[in-house]
Amino acid sequence: MEVILKEDIPSLGSRGDVVKVADGYGRNYLLPRKLALQATENNKAVIEQMKASAARRSATEKAAAEELLAKLEPLTLSFTRKAGEHGHLFGSVTSSDIAAELAAQGFEIDRRRILLGEPLKSIGESKVAVKLHREVTAHLTVKVEAEATEETAPEAAAEEAAAE
């Protein structure tokens, strides 16, 4: 079965592509979810119009993403978590935590756009990719610090006093 994709599907193709799929996949998954249309002559003409409007919309989205990229690149997010002796966190910093911190700073970014392979579980700085557009990806610096516990706080104060 030949179908015309209405949305980008990572394993199949991008919006507007005419692809050949198994009959069951097209009939039972793609068509009912309105992810694709059957490839007829009329639908191909409709898709050509959709491609033109999508190209215009994509250009404006890309410009907005590049503008947001300029604001996000210099940004450093800091998180304080409880940690063990060797710098491993008791919890972790997840994409939801990063999205919440970005929202607190005025940036509304969906957590699914934050490309974090696995949650951050150690102290230090990490670079985290944020996919703003199909062609635009920002790289944030995320700093995870250990929370000062009651046992280490007096020692740290004593070390600072000795250093001065």
Protein backbone atom coordinates (compact mmCIF):
# COMPACT_ATOMS: atom_id res chain seq x y z
CA MET A 1 0.00 0.00 0.00
CA GLU A 2 1.27 3.46 -0.87
CA VAL A 3 0.54 6.28 1.56
CA ILE A 4 1.39 9.96 1.81
CA LEU A 5 2.69 10.92 5.27
CA LYS A 6 0.95 13.86 6.96
CA GLU A 7 3.40 13.92 9.88
CA ASP A 8 7.08 13.14 10.39
CA ILE A 9 7.48 9.50 11.44
CA PRO A 10 11.09 8.74 12.44
CA SER A 11 11.24 5.16 11.15
CA LEU A 12 9.30 5.87 7.96
CA GLY A 13 9.86 9.34 6.54
CA SER A 14 8.96 12.99 6.78
CA ARG A 15 5.79 14.92 6.08
CA GLY A 16 4.72 14.77 2.43
CA ASP A 17 6.74 11.69 1.50
CA VAL A 18 5.05 8.95 -0.51
CA VAL A 19 6.08 5.66 1.08
CA LYS A 20 5.19 2.03 0.57
CA VAL A 21 4.02 0.29 3.76
CA ALA A 22 2.45 -3.03 4.64
CA ASP A 23 -1.32 -3.06 4.10
CA GLY A 24 -2.09 -3.76 7.76
CA TYR A 25 0.26 -1.05 9.05
CA GLY A 26 -1.30 1.54 6.77
CA ARG A 27 -4.92 0.45 7.27
CA ASN A 28 -4.78 -0.23 11.02
CA TYR A 29 -2.27 2.34 12.28
CA LEU A 30 -1.42 5.19 9.92
CA LEU A 31 -4.82 5.93 8.38
CA PRO A 32 -6.98 5.79 11.56
CA ARG A 33 -4.55 8.05 13.44
CA LYS A 34 -4.55 10.50 10.51
CA LEU A 35 -0.79 10.19 10.15
CA ALA A 36 -1.12 9.38 6.45
CA LEU A 37 -3.44 9.49 3.44
CA GLN A 38 -3.84 6.89 0.72
CA ALA A 39 -1.74 7.84 -2.29
CA THR A 40 -4.37 8.83 -4.89
CA GLU A 41 -4.02 11.55 -7.52
CA ASN A 42 -6.36 13.90 -5.63
CA ASN A 43 -4.53 13.35 -2.35
CA LYS A 44 -1.18 13.97 -4.05
CA ALA A 45 -2.44 17.40 -5.18
CA VAL A 46 -3.65 18.16 -1.65
CA ILE A 47 -0.31 17.10 -0.23
CA GLU A 48 1.56 19.40 -2.60
CA GLN A 49 -0.42 22.32 -1.16
CA MET A 50 0.23 21.05 2.36
CA LYS A 51 3.96 20.83 1.58
CA ALA A 52 4.05 24.46 0.46
CA SER A 53 2.27 25.68 3.60
CA ALA A 54 4.42 23.40 5.76
CA ALA A 55 7.58 24.85 4.21
CA ARG A 56 6.42 28.38 5.05
CA ARG A 57 5.45 27.36 8.59
CA SER A 58 8.74 25.49 9.06
CA ALA A 59 10.70 28.58 8.02
CA THR A 60 8.98 30.73 10.65
CA GLU A 61 9.36 28.00 13.30
CA LYS A 62 13.05 27.70 12.46
CA ALA A 63 13.55 31.46 12.80
CA ALA A 64 11.83 31.40 16.20
CA ALA A 65 13.94 28.40 17.25
CA GLU A 66 17.17 30.16 16.25
CA GLU A 67 16.10 33.21 18.26
CA LEU A 68 15.44 30.97 21.28
CA LEU A 69 18.78 29.23 20.67
CA ALA A 70 20.61 32.54 21.12
CA LYS A 71 18.92 32.98 24.50
CA LEU A 72 19.45 29.41 25.71
CA GLU A 73 23.09 28.78 24.71
CA PRO A 74 24.71 31.02 27.38
CA LEU A 75 22.34 29.69 30.06
CA THR A 76 23.66 27.50 32.90
CA LEU A 77 21.18 25.59 35.04
CA SER A 78 22.21 24.66 38.59
CA PHE A 79 20.70 21.89 40.66
CA THR A 80 21.49 20.98 44.27
CA ARG A 81 20.91 17.36 45.27
CA LYS A 82 21.88 15.08 48.13
CA ALA A 83 24.98 13.12 47.22
CA GLY A 84 27.11 10.33 48.63
CA GLU A 85 30.82 10.42 49.38
CA HIS A 86 31.98 9.66 45.85
CA GLY A 87 29.81 12.22 44.08
CA HIS A 88 26.91 9.91 43.19
CA LEU A 89 23.50 11.43 43.74
CA PHE A 90 20.87 9.75 45.89
CA GLY A 91 18.27 10.93 43.38
CA SER A 92 18.87 12.20 39.87
CA VAL A 93 18.29 15.19 37.63
CA THR A 94 15.78 14.29 34.91
CA SER A 95 14.49 16.03 31.82
CA SER A 96 11.39 17.00 33.82
CA ASP A 97 13.61 18.78 36.36
CA ILE A 98 15.40 20.63 33.57
CA ALA A 99 12.09 21.60 31.93
CA ALA A 100 10.76 22.86 35.28
CA GLU A 101 13.89 24.96 35.85
CA LEU A 102 13.64 26.39 32.32
CA ALA A 103 9.97 27.23 32.97
CA ALA A 104 10.97 29.01 36.18
CA GLN A 105 13.34 31.14 34.11
CA GLY A 106 10.64 31.95 31.55
CA PHE A 107 11.32 29.37 28.82
CA GLU A 108 8.40 27.04 28.02
CA ILE A 109 10.05 23.92 26.59
CA ASP A 110 8.44 20.49 26.57
CA ARG A 111 10.41 17.89 28.53
CA ARG A 112 10.30 15.53 25.53
CA ARG A 113 12.44 18.00 23.57
CA ILE A 114 15.23 17.69 26.14
CA LEU A 115 17.49 14.95 24.82
CA LEU A 116 18.82 13.38 27.98
CA GLY A 117 19.85 9.77 27.36
CA GLU A 118 19.65 8.86 31.00
CA PRO A 119 19.13 10.99 34.11
CA LEU A 120 22.17 12.78 35.54
CA LYS A 121 23.31 10.83 38.61
CA SER A 122 26.65 12.40 39.46
CA ILE A 123 27.98 15.75 40.56
CA GLY A 124 29.54 18.01 37.95
CA GLU A 125 28.76 19.83 34.72
CA SER A 126 27.05 18.22 31.75
CA LYS A 127 25.99 19.39 28.33
CA VAL A 128 22.35 18.63 27.56
CA ALA A 129 20.86 18.91 24.08
CA VAL A 130 17.47 20.56 23.59
CA LYS A 131 15.85 20.00 20.19
CA LEU A 132 14.10 23.27 19.38
CA HIS A 133 13.39 22.50 15.72
CA ARG A 134 14.17 19.72 13.29
CA GLU A 135 17.34 21.59 12.26
CA VAL A 136 18.09 23.59 15.45
CA THR A 137 19.49 22.07 18.65
CA ALA A 138 20.61 24.05 21.69
CA HIS A 139 23.21 22.74 24.15
CA LEU A 140 22.61 23.76 27.75
CA THR A 141 25.13 23.53 30.56
CA VAL A 142 23.66 21.74 33.58
CA LYS A 143 25.62 21.95 36.82
CA VAL A 144 24.78 19.47 39.58
CA GLU A 145 26.13 20.31 43.03
CA ALA A 146 26.06 18.38 46.29
CA GLU A 147 23.71 19.63 48.96
CA ALA A 148 25.56 20.82 52.06
CA THR A 149 24.64 18.45 54.88
CA GLU A 150 24.81 19.27 58.58
CA GLU A 151 27.95 17.15 59.00
CA THR A 152 29.92 18.77 56.17
CA ALA A 153 28.75 22.37 56.68
CA PRO A 154 30.89 23.06 59.82
CA GLU A 155 33.91 21.40 58.17
CA ALA A 156 33.53 23.54 55.07
CA ALA A 157 33.20 26.68 57.19
CA ALA A 158 36.32 25.72 59.15
CA GLU A 159 38.25 25.10 55.91
CA GLU A 160 37.17 28.50 54.51
CA ALA A 161 38.20 30.24 57.75
CA ALA A 162 41.60 28.48 57.67
CA ALA A 163 42.10 29.49 54.03
CA GLU A 164 41.61 33.17 54.85
